[in-house]
Amino acid sequence: MFAVIKANGKQYRVAAADKITIDHLDAEVGSVFTFPVLMLSGASVAIGAPHVDGATVTGEIVEHTRGDKVIAFKKRRRQNSRRKRGFRADLTVVRITEISGLGETVKADAAGVGA
């Protein structure tokens, strides 16, 4: 069973016990977070308009981290002009603990992968 969820304006395909890295969420490490479900697939498929009624995906926040450094370097030739800027995105790692809907519930421990 898998689901398509929406987090911070982006869509992710998740299954139970998956770890996903998403944009920063304002929540404590270890707290439980519920995501809106756009599509749910199991024995049958349900597509929401925009969300699937009665379907939930629950995840536990594992850690807050930062992404790789991205360098933006601009140079204008023969002008003695250049600019170098670095950027690191704030990210959150989330472990999907439960997917429920369509009369089914799949938990992370039952998916064969433990903590």
N, C-alpha and C. Protein backbone atom coordinates (compact mmCIF):
# COMPACT_ATOMS: atom_id res chain seq x y z
N MET A 1 0.84 -1.17 0.00
CA MET A 1 0.00 0.00 0.00
C MET A 1 0.89 1.24 0.00
N PHE A 2 0.59 2.19 -0.87
CA PHE A 2 1.34 3.43 -0.88
C PHE A 2 0.37 4.59 -1.03
N ALA A 3 0.88 5.78 -0.76
CA ALA A 3 0.06 6.98 -0.85
C ALA A 3 0.88 8.11 -1.45
N VAL A 4 0.20 9.08 -2.01
CA VAL A 4 0.82 10.31 -2.47
C VAL A 4 0.35 11.40 -1.52
N ILE A 5 1.32 12.04 -0.86
CA ILE A 5 0.99 13.07 0.13
C ILE A 5 1.49 14.42 -0.34
N LYS A 6 0.99 15.46 0.31
CA LYS A 6 1.44 16.80 0.01
C LYS A 6 2.06 17.39 1.27
N ALA A 7 3.31 17.89 1.14
CA ALA A 7 4.02 18.49 2.27
C ALA A 7 4.75 19.72 1.76
N ASN A 8 4.43 20.87 2.32
CA ASN A 8 5.07 22.14 1.97
C ASN A 8 4.99 22.43 0.47
N GLY A 9 3.86 22.11 -0.15
CA GLY A 9 3.66 22.44 -1.55
C GLY A 9 4.25 21.45 -2.53
N LYS A 10 4.84 20.36 -2.04
CA LYS A 10 5.42 19.35 -2.92
C LYS A 10 4.74 18.01 -2.66
N GLN A 11 4.76 17.14 -3.67
CA GLN A 11 4.12 15.84 -3.55
C GLN A 11 5.17 14.74 -3.42
N TYR A 12 4.86 13.74 -2.57
CA TYR A 12 5.79 12.64 -2.32
C TYR A 12 5.01 11.33 -2.35
N ARG A 13 5.61 10.31 -2.95
CA ARG A 13 5.04 8.96 -2.93
C ARG A 13 5.67 8.23 -1.76
N VAL A 14 4.85 7.76 -0.82
CA VAL A 14 5.37 7.14 0.40
C VAL A 14 4.69 5.80 0.65
N ALA A 15 5.41 4.94 1.36
CA ALA A 15 4.87 3.68 1.86
C ALA A 15 5.22 3.63 3.35
N ALA A 16 4.66 2.66 4.04
CA ALA A 16 4.94 2.53 5.48
C ALA A 16 6.43 2.26 5.69
N ALA A 17 7.00 2.86 6.71
CA ALA A 17 8.40 2.73 7.12
C ALA A 17 9.38 3.47 6.21
N ASP A 18 8.89 4.25 5.26
CA ASP A 18 9.77 5.06 4.42
C ASP A 18 10.31 6.25 5.21
N LYS A 19 11.53 6.66 4.89
CA LYS A 19 12.08 7.90 5.42
C LYS A 19 12.19 8.87 4.26
N ILE A 20 11.56 10.03 4.41
CA ILE A 20 11.61 11.03 3.36
C ILE A 20 12.22 12.31 3.93
N THR A 21 12.88 13.04 3.06
CA THR A 21 13.47 14.33 3.42
C THR A 21 12.67 15.41 2.75
N ILE A 22 12.07 16.27 3.56
CA ILE A 22 11.21 17.32 3.04
C ILE A 22 11.71 18.67 3.52
N ASP A 23 11.12 19.74 3.01
CA ASP A 23 11.46 21.07 3.49
C ASP A 23 11.12 21.18 4.97
N HIS A 24 11.73 22.13 5.62
CA HIS A 24 11.65 22.27 7.08
C HIS A 24 10.21 22.38 7.59
N LEU A 25 9.90 21.57 8.61
CA LEU A 25 8.62 21.64 9.33
C LEU A 25 8.88 22.22 10.70
N ASP A 26 8.01 23.12 11.15
CA ASP A 26 8.15 23.70 12.48
C ASP A 26 7.52 22.77 13.51
N ALA A 27 8.24 21.75 13.91
CA ALA A 27 7.76 20.80 14.92
C ALA A 27 8.98 20.20 15.61
N GLU A 28 8.76 19.69 16.80
CA GLU A 28 9.84 19.11 17.59
C GLU A 28 10.21 17.73 17.05
N VAL A 29 11.46 17.33 17.28
CA VAL A 29 11.91 15.98 16.92
C VAL A 29 11.15 14.98 17.80
N GLY A 30 10.62 13.94 17.18
CA GLY A 30 9.85 12.94 17.90
C GLY A 30 8.35 13.18 17.87
N SER A 31 7.92 14.35 17.41
CA SER A 31 6.49 14.62 17.36
C SER A 31 5.87 13.93 16.15
N VAL A 32 4.57 13.73 16.22
CA VAL A 32 3.83 13.03 15.18
C VAL A 32 3.14 14.08 14.31
N PHE A 33 3.18 13.87 13.00
CA PHE A 33 2.65 14.82 12.04
C PHE A 33 1.73 14.07 11.07
N THR A 34 0.60 14.67 10.71
CA THR A 34 -0.35 14.05 9.79
C THR A 34 -0.34 14.84 8.48
N PHE A 35 -0.25 14.12 7.37
CA PHE A 35 -0.17 14.74 6.05
C PHE A 35 -1.48 14.54 5.28
N PRO A 36 -1.87 15.50 4.45
CA PRO A 36 -3.04 15.30 3.58
C PRO A 36 -2.72 14.31 2.46
N VAL A 37 -3.68 13.44 2.17
CA VAL A 37 -3.49 12.37 1.19
C VAL A 37 -4.16 12.77 -0.13
N LEU A 38 -3.38 12.78 -1.21
CA LEU A 38 -3.90 13.11 -2.53
C LEU A 38 -4.33 11.87 -3.30
N MET A 39 -3.62 10.75 -3.08
CA MET A 39 -3.96 9.50 -3.74
C MET A 39 -3.59 8.35 -2.83
N LEU A 40 -4.39 7.30 -2.84
CA LEU A 40 -4.14 6.14 -2.00
C LEU A 40 -4.31 4.88 -2.84
N SER A 41 -3.34 3.99 -2.77
CA SER A 41 -3.37 2.77 -3.56
C SER A 41 -3.16 1.58 -2.66
N GLY A 42 -4.04 0.63 -2.74
CA GLY A 42 -3.94 -0.62 -2.00
C GLY A 42 -4.59 -1.71 -2.83
N ALA A 43 -5.62 -2.34 -2.27
CA ALA A 43 -6.39 -3.29 -3.05
C ALA A 43 -7.14 -2.57 -4.17
N SER A 44 -7.50 -1.31 -3.91
CA SER A 44 -8.10 -0.46 -4.93
C SER A 44 -7.40 0.90 -4.88
N VAL A 45 -7.71 1.73 -5.84
CA VAL A 45 -7.06 3.04 -5.93
C VAL A 45 -8.11 4.12 -5.68
N ALA A 46 -7.75 5.11 -4.84
CA ALA A 46 -8.63 6.25 -4.59
C ALA A 46 -7.85 7.52 -4.89
N ILE A 47 -8.45 8.36 -5.72
CA ILE A 47 -7.84 9.63 -6.07
C ILE A 47 -8.71 10.73 -5.50
N GLY A 48 -8.11 11.63 -4.76
CA GLY A 48 -8.87 12.69 -4.11
C GLY A 48 -9.11 13.87 -5.01
N ALA A 49 -10.10 14.67 -4.60
CA ALA A 49 -10.39 15.89 -5.33
C ALA A 49 -10.63 17.01 -4.33
N PRO A 50 -9.65 17.62 -3.71
CA PRO A 50 -8.22 17.39 -3.84
C PRO A 50 -7.67 16.34 -2.88
N HIS A 51 -8.42 15.99 -1.79
CA HIS A 51 -7.90 15.02 -0.82
C HIS A 51 -8.82 13.81 -0.75
N VAL A 52 -8.26 12.67 -0.37
CA VAL A 52 -9.03 11.45 -0.20
C VAL A 52 -9.71 11.51 1.17
N ASP A 53 -11.03 11.37 1.18
CA ASP A 53 -11.78 11.44 2.44
C ASP A 53 -11.49 10.23 3.31
N GLY A 54 -11.18 10.47 4.58
CA GLY A 54 -10.96 9.40 5.53
C GLY A 54 -9.59 8.76 5.48
N ALA A 55 -8.72 9.22 4.60
CA ALA A 55 -7.38 8.64 4.49
C ALA A 55 -6.39 9.54 5.23
N THR A 56 -5.48 8.91 5.97
CA THR A 56 -4.46 9.67 6.70
C THR A 56 -3.11 8.99 6.55
N VAL A 57 -2.09 9.80 6.51
CA VAL A 57 -0.71 9.33 6.55
C VAL A 57 -0.06 10.01 7.74
N THR A 58 0.48 9.20 8.65
CA THR A 58 1.08 9.72 9.86
C THR A 58 2.58 9.48 9.81
N GLY A 59 3.34 10.50 10.19
CA GLY A 59 4.78 10.40 10.19
C GLY A 59 5.37 10.95 11.47
N GLU A 60 6.53 10.42 11.84
CA GLU A 60 7.25 10.88 13.03
C GLU A 60 8.49 11.63 12.57
N ILE A 61 8.72 12.79 13.16
CA ILE A 61 9.87 13.60 12.79
C ILE A 61 11.12 12.99 13.42
N VAL A 62 12.08 12.61 12.59
CA VAL A 62 13.29 11.94 13.04
C VAL A 62 14.37 12.96 13.39
N GLU A 63 14.62 13.91 12.49
CA GLU A 63 15.65 14.91 12.75
C GLU A 63 15.47 16.11 11.84
N HIS A 64 16.09 17.21 12.26
CA HIS A 64 16.20 18.40 11.43
C HIS A 64 17.65 18.48 10.95
N THR A 65 17.84 18.73 9.67
CA THR A 65 19.18 18.75 9.11
C THR A 65 19.26 19.85 8.06
N ARG A 66 20.40 19.94 7.42
CA ARG A 66 20.59 20.91 6.35
C ARG A 66 21.08 20.19 5.11
N GLY A 67 20.70 20.70 3.96
CA GLY A 67 21.07 20.09 2.69
C GLY A 67 22.49 20.44 2.28
N ASP A 68 22.90 19.94 1.13
CA ASP A 68 24.21 20.24 0.58
C ASP A 68 24.29 21.72 0.20
N LYS A 69 25.50 22.24 0.22
CA LYS A 69 25.69 23.64 -0.12
C LYS A 69 25.61 23.83 -1.63
N VAL A 70 24.84 24.81 -2.04
CA VAL A 70 24.70 25.16 -3.45
C VAL A 70 25.38 26.50 -3.64
N ILE A 71 26.32 26.57 -4.59
CA ILE A 71 27.07 27.79 -4.84
C ILE A 71 26.49 28.49 -6.08
N ALA A 72 26.16 29.76 -5.93
CA ALA A 72 25.72 30.59 -7.06
C ALA A 72 26.85 31.57 -7.34
N PHE A 73 27.57 31.36 -8.43
CA PHE A 73 28.71 32.21 -8.79
C PHE A 73 28.39 32.91 -10.09
N LYS A 74 28.43 34.24 -10.05
CA LYS A 74 28.17 35.03 -11.25
C LYS A 74 29.40 35.88 -11.55
N LYS A 75 29.83 35.87 -12.81
CA LYS A 75 30.99 36.64 -13.21
C LYS A 75 30.67 37.36 -14.51
N ARG A 76 31.02 38.63 -14.54
CA ARG A 76 30.87 39.41 -15.76
C ARG A 76 32.27 39.63 -16.33
N ARG A 77 32.52 39.09 -17.48
CA ARG A 77 33.87 39.12 -18.04
C ARG A 77 34.31 40.54 -18.37
N ARG A 78 35.58 40.76 -18.16
CA ARG A 78 36.26 42.03 -18.43
C ARG A 78 35.69 43.20 -17.63
N GLN A 79 34.91 42.95 -16.60
CA GLN A 79 34.31 44.03 -15.82
C GLN A 79 34.85 44.07 -14.39
N ASN A 80 35.70 43.09 -14.03
CA ASN A 80 36.18 42.95 -12.66
C ASN A 80 35.00 42.88 -11.68
N SER A 81 33.98 42.13 -12.09
CA SER A 81 32.77 42.01 -11.29
C SER A 81 32.43 40.54 -11.12
N ARG A 82 32.31 40.12 -9.91
CA ARG A 82 31.90 38.74 -9.65
C ARG A 82 31.21 38.67 -8.29
N ARG A 83 30.37 37.66 -8.15
CA ARG A 83 29.62 37.49 -6.91
C ARG A 83 29.50 36.00 -6.61
N LYS A 84 29.77 35.62 -5.39
CA LYS A 84 29.67 34.23 -4.97
C LYS A 84 28.77 34.16 -3.74
N ARG A 85 27.71 33.38 -3.84
CA ARG A 85 26.78 33.22 -2.74
C ARG A 85 26.55 31.74 -2.50
N GLY A 86 26.46 31.35 -1.25
CA GLY A 86 26.19 29.96 -0.90
C GLY A 86 24.83 29.84 -0.26
N PHE A 87 24.22 28.66 -0.38
CA PHE A 87 22.89 28.42 0.18
C PHE A 87 22.80 26.97 0.65
N ARG A 88 22.27 26.77 1.86
CA ARG A 88 21.99 25.43 2.36
C ARG A 88 20.55 25.42 2.85
N ALA A 89 19.74 24.51 2.32
CA ALA A 89 18.33 24.45 2.69
C ALA A 89 18.17 23.75 4.04
N ASP A 90 17.22 24.24 4.83
CA ASP A 90 16.84 23.56 6.07
C ASP A 90 15.87 22.44 5.72
N LEU A 91 16.17 21.22 6.18
CA LEU A 91 15.38 20.06 5.83
C LEU A 91 14.91 19.33 7.08
N THR A 92 13.88 18.50 6.92
CA THR A 92 13.36 17.67 7.99
C THR A 92 13.26 16.24 7.48
N VAL A 93 13.75 15.29 8.26
CA VAL A 93 13.64 13.87 7.91
C VAL A 93 12.43 13.31 8.66
N VAL A 94 11.51 12.70 7.91
CA VAL A 94 10.27 12.17 8.47
C VAL A 94 10.20 10.68 8.17
N ARG A 95 9.85 9.88 9.18
CA ARG A 95 9.63 8.44 9.00
C ARG A 95 8.13 8.18 9.00
N ILE A 96 7.63 7.58 7.93
CA ILE A 96 6.20 7.31 7.80
C ILE A 96 5.86 6.12 8.69
N THR A 97 4.96 6.34 9.65
CA THR A 97 4.63 5.28 10.62
C THR A 97 3.35 4.55 10.28
N GLU A 98 2.40 5.23 9.62
CA GLU A 98 1.12 4.57 9.38
C GLU A 98 0.43 5.18 8.17
N ILE A 99 -0.19 4.32 7.37
CA ILE A 99 -1.04 4.74 6.26
C ILE A 99 -2.38 4.06 6.47
N SER A 100 -3.45 4.85 6.54
CA SER A 100 -4.77 4.25 6.74
C SER A 100 -5.78 4.89 5.79
N GLY A 101 -6.70 4.06 5.35
CA GLY A 101 -7.75 4.51 4.44
C GLY A 101 -8.23 3.34 3.61
N LEU A 102 -9.38 3.50 2.97
CA LEU A 102 -10.01 2.45 2.15
C LEU A 102 -10.25 1.17 2.96
N GLY A 103 -10.47 1.31 4.25
CA GLY A 103 -10.72 0.14 5.10
C GLY A 103 -9.47 -0.63 5.45
N GLU A 104 -8.31 -0.15 5.09
CA GLU A 104 -7.05 -0.82 5.39
C GLU A 104 -6.18 0.09 6.25
N THR A 105 -5.29 -0.53 7.03
CA THR A 105 -4.30 0.22 7.80
C THR A 105 -2.99 -0.54 7.73
N VAL A 106 -1.92 0.17 7.34
CA VAL A 106 -0.59 -0.42 7.28
C VAL A 106 0.29 0.38 8.21
N LYS A 107 0.91 -0.33 9.17
CA LYS A 107 1.83 0.33 10.10
C LYS A 107 3.25 -0.01 9.72
N ALA A 108 4.20 0.78 10.20
CA ALA A 108 5.61 0.61 9.82
C ALA A 108 6.16 -0.72 10.27
N ASP A 109 5.83 -1.20 11.46
CA ASP A 109 6.37 -2.47 11.95
C ASP A 109 5.80 -3.64 11.17
N ALA A 110 4.56 -3.54 10.71
CA ALA A 110 3.94 -4.62 9.93
C ALA A 110 4.45 -4.65 8.51
N ALA A 111 5.11 -3.59 8.07
CA ALA A 111 5.62 -3.54 6.69
C ALA A 111 6.92 -4.30 6.53
N GLY A 112 7.45 -4.85 7.61
CA GLY A 112 8.67 -5.65 7.53
C GLY A 112 9.92 -4.88 7.88
N VAL A 113 9.81 -3.59 8.09
CA VAL A 113 10.99 -2.77 8.43
C VAL A 113 10.72 -2.13 9.76
N GLY A 114 11.56 -2.39 10.73
CA GLY A 114 11.39 -1.83 12.06
C GLY A 114 11.97 -0.45 12.16
N ALA A 115 12.06 0.05 13.38
CA ALA A 115 12.57 1.39 13.63
C ALA A 115 14.02 1.42 13.28
